[in-house]
Amino acid sequence: MMRMSRERLFHLADLILKELGTTQGVSFKAPDEVRTEVIRALTEEAKLAESIDGEVRKILGSYSRPMPEGSREWEVLYEKTREEVFRKRFRL
């Protein structure tokens, strides 16, 4: 999984604010505060995704029969394991 750069986070926050600004019924008086909060939320989500990715890779690495990363089998197991880890963490 690729880590999101600071520039990418800022760009996404700007896109979100732009979209919110054009959404009917949505207005805000302090766009800088909203932007800061959007960046915080995106940063937390990126950290969560990174943490889940690390746990999934650790699980897949513990299998007795290693699979080449990027292979179809690895991709399927990665996705299945990621969903299980996500459900376990959030009790879904």
N, C-alpha and C. Protein backbone atom coordinates (compact mmCIF):
# COMPACT_ATOMS: atom_id res chain seq x y z
N MET A 1 0.84 -1.17 0.00
CA MET A 1 0.00 0.00 0.00
C MET A 1 0.88 1.24 0.00
N MET A 2 0.51 2.21 -0.80
CA MET A 2 1.30 3.42 -0.91
C MET A 2 0.82 4.46 0.09
N ARG A 3 1.77 5.05 0.79
CA ARG A 3 1.45 6.09 1.76
C ARG A 3 1.07 7.37 1.03
N MET A 4 0.04 8.06 1.55
CA MET A 4 -0.42 9.28 0.92
C MET A 4 0.49 10.45 1.33
N SER A 5 0.96 11.18 0.34
CA SER A 5 1.83 12.32 0.62
C SER A 5 1.02 13.47 1.20
N ARG A 6 1.72 14.37 1.82
CA ARG A 6 1.09 15.57 2.40
C ARG A 6 0.40 16.39 1.31
N GLU A 7 1.05 16.49 0.16
CA GLU A 7 0.47 17.23 -0.96
C GLU A 7 -0.82 16.59 -1.43
N ARG A 8 -0.83 15.26 -1.47
CA ARG A 8 -2.04 14.54 -1.90
C ARG A 8 -3.17 14.76 -0.90
N LEU A 9 -2.86 14.72 0.39
CA LEU A 9 -3.88 14.98 1.41
C LEU A 9 -4.47 16.38 1.25
N PHE A 10 -3.61 17.37 1.04
CA PHE A 10 -4.08 18.75 0.86
C PHE A 10 -4.93 18.86 -0.39
N HIS A 11 -4.49 18.21 -1.46
CA HIS A 11 -5.25 18.25 -2.72
C HIS A 11 -6.64 17.63 -2.53
N LEU A 12 -6.70 16.47 -1.89
CA LEU A 12 -7.99 15.83 -1.64
C LEU A 12 -8.89 16.70 -0.76
N ALA A 13 -8.30 17.33 0.26
CA ALA A 13 -9.08 18.22 1.13
C ALA A 13 -9.65 19.38 0.32
N ASP A 14 -8.84 19.94 -0.56
CA ASP A 14 -9.32 21.05 -1.40
C ASP A 14 -10.45 20.60 -2.32
N LEU A 15 -10.33 19.40 -2.90
CA LEU A 15 -11.40 18.87 -3.74
C LEU A 15 -12.69 18.67 -2.96
N ILE A 16 -12.56 18.15 -1.74
CA ILE A 16 -13.73 17.92 -0.90
C ILE A 16 -14.40 19.25 -0.55
N LEU A 17 -13.59 20.25 -0.16
CA LEU A 17 -14.15 21.57 0.15
C LEU A 17 -14.82 22.20 -1.06
N LYS A 18 -14.20 22.05 -2.22
CA LYS A 18 -14.79 22.59 -3.44
C LYS A 18 -16.15 21.94 -3.70
N GLU A 19 -16.21 20.63 -3.54
CA GLU A 19 -17.46 19.91 -3.76
C GLU A 19 -18.52 20.32 -2.73
N LEU A 20 -18.10 20.44 -1.48
CA LEU A 20 -19.03 20.89 -0.44
C LEU A 20 -19.55 22.29 -0.74
N GLY A 21 -18.67 23.14 -1.24
CA GLY A 21 -19.05 24.51 -1.56
C GLY A 21 -20.08 24.61 -2.66
N THR A 22 -20.15 23.60 -3.51
CA THR A 22 -21.13 23.62 -4.61
C THR A 22 -22.35 22.76 -4.30
N THR A 23 -22.40 22.20 -3.10
CA THR A 23 -23.53 21.36 -2.71
C THR A 23 -24.65 22.22 -2.14
N GLN A 24 -25.81 22.08 -2.71
CA GLN A 24 -26.96 22.86 -2.26
C GLN A 24 -27.27 22.55 -0.79
N GLY A 25 -27.48 23.60 -0.01
CA GLY A 25 -27.82 23.44 1.40
C GLY A 25 -26.62 23.36 2.33
N VAL A 26 -25.41 23.38 1.76
CA VAL A 26 -24.21 23.31 2.58
C VAL A 26 -23.49 24.66 2.52
N SER A 27 -23.21 25.21 3.68
CA SER A 27 -22.42 26.43 3.73
C SER A 27 -21.59 26.40 5.01
N PHE A 28 -20.48 27.09 4.98
CA PHE A 28 -19.65 27.16 6.18
C PHE A 28 -19.01 28.53 6.24
N LYS A 29 -18.88 29.02 7.47
CA LYS A 29 -18.35 30.36 7.68
C LYS A 29 -16.83 30.38 7.80
N ALA A 30 -16.25 29.25 8.20
CA ALA A 30 -14.80 29.19 8.41
C ALA A 30 -14.20 28.07 7.58
N PRO A 31 -14.00 28.32 6.27
CA PRO A 31 -13.49 27.25 5.40
C PRO A 31 -12.12 26.71 5.84
N ASP A 32 -11.28 27.56 6.43
CA ASP A 32 -9.97 27.07 6.88
C ASP A 32 -10.12 26.05 7.99
N GLU A 33 -11.08 26.26 8.88
CA GLU A 33 -11.33 25.29 9.96
C GLU A 33 -11.88 23.99 9.40
N VAL A 34 -12.75 24.09 8.42
CA VAL A 34 -13.31 22.89 7.79
C VAL A 34 -12.21 22.14 7.06
N ARG A 35 -11.36 22.87 6.35
CA ARG A 35 -10.24 22.24 5.63
C ARG A 35 -9.33 21.50 6.59
N THR A 36 -9.02 22.12 7.73
CA THR A 36 -8.18 21.48 8.74
C THR A 36 -8.82 20.19 9.25
N GLU A 37 -10.11 20.23 9.47
CA GLU A 37 -10.82 19.05 9.96
C GLU A 37 -10.86 17.95 8.90
N VAL A 38 -11.03 18.32 7.64
CA VAL A 38 -11.03 17.34 6.55
C VAL A 38 -9.64 16.69 6.44
N ILE A 39 -8.58 17.49 6.56
CA ILE A 39 -7.22 16.95 6.50
C ILE A 39 -6.99 15.99 7.67
N ARG A 40 -7.48 16.35 8.85
CA ARG A 40 -7.34 15.48 10.02
C ARG A 40 -8.04 14.14 9.78
N ALA A 41 -9.27 14.20 9.25
CA ALA A 41 -10.03 12.98 8.99
C ALA A 41 -9.34 12.11 7.93
N LEU A 42 -8.86 12.74 6.87
CA LEU A 42 -8.15 11.98 5.83
C LEU A 42 -6.88 11.34 6.37
N THR A 43 -6.17 12.06 7.23
CA THR A 43 -4.94 11.54 7.83
C THR A 43 -5.25 10.33 8.71
N GLU A 44 -6.31 10.42 9.51
CA GLU A 44 -6.70 9.29 10.36
C GLU A 44 -7.09 8.08 9.53
N GLU A 45 -7.82 8.31 8.45
CA GLU A 45 -8.22 7.21 7.57
C GLU A 45 -7.01 6.56 6.92
N ALA A 46 -6.05 7.38 6.50
CA ALA A 46 -4.83 6.85 5.87
C ALA A 46 -4.04 6.01 6.88
N LYS A 47 -3.95 6.47 8.12
CA LYS A 47 -3.24 5.71 9.16
C LYS A 47 -3.95 4.39 9.43
N LEU A 48 -5.28 4.41 9.46
CA LEU A 48 -6.05 3.19 9.68
C LEU A 48 -5.81 2.20 8.54
N ALA A 49 -5.87 2.68 7.32
CA ALA A 49 -5.65 1.82 6.15
C ALA A 49 -4.25 1.22 6.18
N GLU A 50 -3.28 2.02 6.58
CA GLU A 50 -1.89 1.55 6.66
C GLU A 50 -1.75 0.47 7.74
N SER A 51 -2.41 0.68 8.86
CA SER A 51 -2.36 -0.27 9.96
C SER A 51 -3.01 -1.61 9.56
N ILE A 52 -4.15 -1.52 8.90
CA ILE A 52 -4.84 -2.74 8.44
C ILE A 52 -3.97 -3.45 7.41
N ASP A 53 -3.38 -2.71 6.48
CA ASP A 53 -2.50 -3.29 5.48
C ASP A 53 -1.34 -4.04 6.14
N GLY A 54 -0.73 -3.44 7.15
CA GLY A 54 0.37 -4.09 7.86
C GLY A 54 -0.06 -5.38 8.52
N GLU A 55 -1.24 -5.36 9.15
CA GLU A 55 -1.74 -6.57 9.81
C GLU A 55 -2.03 -7.67 8.79
N VAL A 56 -2.62 -7.29 7.65
CA VAL A 56 -2.93 -8.27 6.61
C VAL A 56 -1.64 -8.89 6.06
N ARG A 57 -0.65 -8.07 5.80
CA ARG A 57 0.62 -8.58 5.27
C ARG A 57 1.30 -9.51 6.28
N LYS A 58 1.18 -9.19 7.55
CA LYS A 58 1.75 -10.04 8.59
C LYS A 58 1.05 -11.41 8.59
N ILE A 59 -0.27 -11.39 8.49
CA ILE A 59 -1.04 -12.64 8.45
C ILE A 59 -0.64 -13.47 7.23
N LEU A 60 -0.63 -12.82 6.06
CA LEU A 60 -0.28 -13.55 4.83
C LEU A 60 1.15 -14.06 4.87
N GLY A 61 2.03 -13.32 5.51
CA GLY A 61 3.42 -13.74 5.62
C GLY A 61 3.62 -14.92 6.55
N SER A 62 2.64 -15.16 7.42
CA SER A 62 2.76 -16.26 8.38
C SER A 62 2.31 -17.60 7.80
N TYR A 63 1.73 -17.58 6.61
CA TYR A 63 1.27 -18.83 6.01
C TYR A 63 2.46 -19.72 5.68
N SER A 64 2.27 -21.02 5.83
CA SER A 64 3.36 -21.96 5.60
C SER A 64 3.73 -22.05 4.11
N ARG A 65 2.78 -21.77 3.25
CA ARG A 65 3.05 -21.80 1.81
C ARG A 65 3.02 -20.37 1.29
N PRO A 66 4.19 -19.76 1.14
CA PRO A 66 4.21 -18.36 0.69
C PRO A 66 3.73 -18.22 -0.74
N MET A 67 3.05 -17.12 -0.99
CA MET A 67 2.57 -16.81 -2.34
C MET A 67 3.31 -15.57 -2.83
N PRO A 68 3.58 -15.51 -4.11
CA PRO A 68 4.23 -14.30 -4.62
C PRO A 68 3.26 -13.12 -4.56
N GLU A 69 3.73 -12.02 -3.95
CA GLU A 69 2.89 -10.83 -3.85
C GLU A 69 2.55 -10.35 -5.26
N GLY A 70 1.29 -10.00 -5.44
CA GLY A 70 0.84 -9.53 -6.74
C GLY A 70 0.20 -10.61 -7.58
N SER A 71 0.41 -11.89 -7.19
CA SER A 71 -0.23 -12.97 -7.94
C SER A 71 -1.73 -12.92 -7.69
N ARG A 72 -2.47 -13.54 -8.55
CA ARG A 72 -3.95 -13.55 -8.41
C ARG A 72 -4.34 -14.15 -7.07
N GLU A 73 -3.71 -15.27 -6.70
CA GLU A 73 -4.01 -15.93 -5.42
C GLU A 73 -3.73 -14.99 -4.24
N TRP A 74 -2.60 -14.29 -4.30
CA TRP A 74 -2.23 -13.36 -3.23
C TRP A 74 -3.26 -12.23 -3.14
N GLU A 75 -3.64 -11.68 -4.29
CA GLU A 75 -4.61 -10.58 -4.32
C GLU A 75 -5.95 -11.00 -3.71
N VAL A 76 -6.41 -12.20 -4.05
CA VAL A 76 -7.69 -12.69 -3.51
C VAL A 76 -7.58 -12.88 -2.00
N LEU A 77 -6.51 -13.53 -1.55
CA LEU A 77 -6.32 -13.73 -0.11
C LEU A 77 -6.13 -12.40 0.62
N TYR A 78 -5.42 -11.47 0.00
CA TYR A 78 -5.21 -10.15 0.62
C TYR A 78 -6.56 -9.47 0.85
N GLU A 79 -7.40 -9.44 -0.17
CA GLU A 79 -8.71 -8.78 -0.06
C GLU A 79 -9.59 -9.46 0.98
N LYS A 80 -9.62 -10.78 0.97
CA LYS A 80 -10.43 -11.53 1.93
C LYS A 80 -9.94 -11.28 3.36
N THR A 81 -8.63 -11.33 3.54
CA THR A 81 -8.04 -11.11 4.87
C THR A 81 -8.27 -9.68 5.32
N ARG A 82 -8.15 -8.71 4.40
CA ARG A 82 -8.37 -7.31 4.75
C ARG A 82 -9.80 -7.10 5.24
N GLU A 83 -10.75 -7.71 4.57
CA GLU A 83 -12.15 -7.60 5.01
C GLU A 83 -12.34 -8.21 6.39
N GLU A 84 -11.70 -9.35 6.66
CA GLU A 84 -11.81 -9.99 7.97
C GLU A 84 -11.20 -9.13 9.07
N VAL A 85 -10.04 -8.55 8.80
CA VAL A 85 -9.37 -7.69 9.79
C VAL A 85 -10.23 -6.46 10.05
N PHE A 86 -10.80 -5.87 8.99
CA PHE A 86 -11.65 -4.70 9.14
C PHE A 86 -12.87 -5.04 10.00
N ARG A 87 -13.52 -6.16 9.69
CA ARG A 87 -14.70 -6.58 10.47
C ARG A 87 -14.34 -6.83 11.93
N LYS A 88 -13.20 -7.45 12.16
CA LYS A 88 -12.75 -7.75 13.52
C LYS A 88 -12.49 -6.46 14.29
N ARG A 89 -11.83 -5.52 13.65
CA ARG A 89 -11.50 -4.25 14.33
C ARG A 89 -12.74 -3.44 14.67
N PHE A 90 -13.72 -3.47 13.79
CA PHE A 90 -14.91 -2.64 13.98
C PHE A 90 -16.12 -3.43 14.41
N ARG A 91 -15.89 -4.71 14.74
CA ARG A 91 -16.95 -5.58 15.24
C ARG A 91 -18.19 -5.57 14.34
N LEU A 92 -17.96 -5.70 13.04
CA LEU A 92 -19.07 -5.70 12.08
C LEU A 92 -19.53 -7.10 11.79
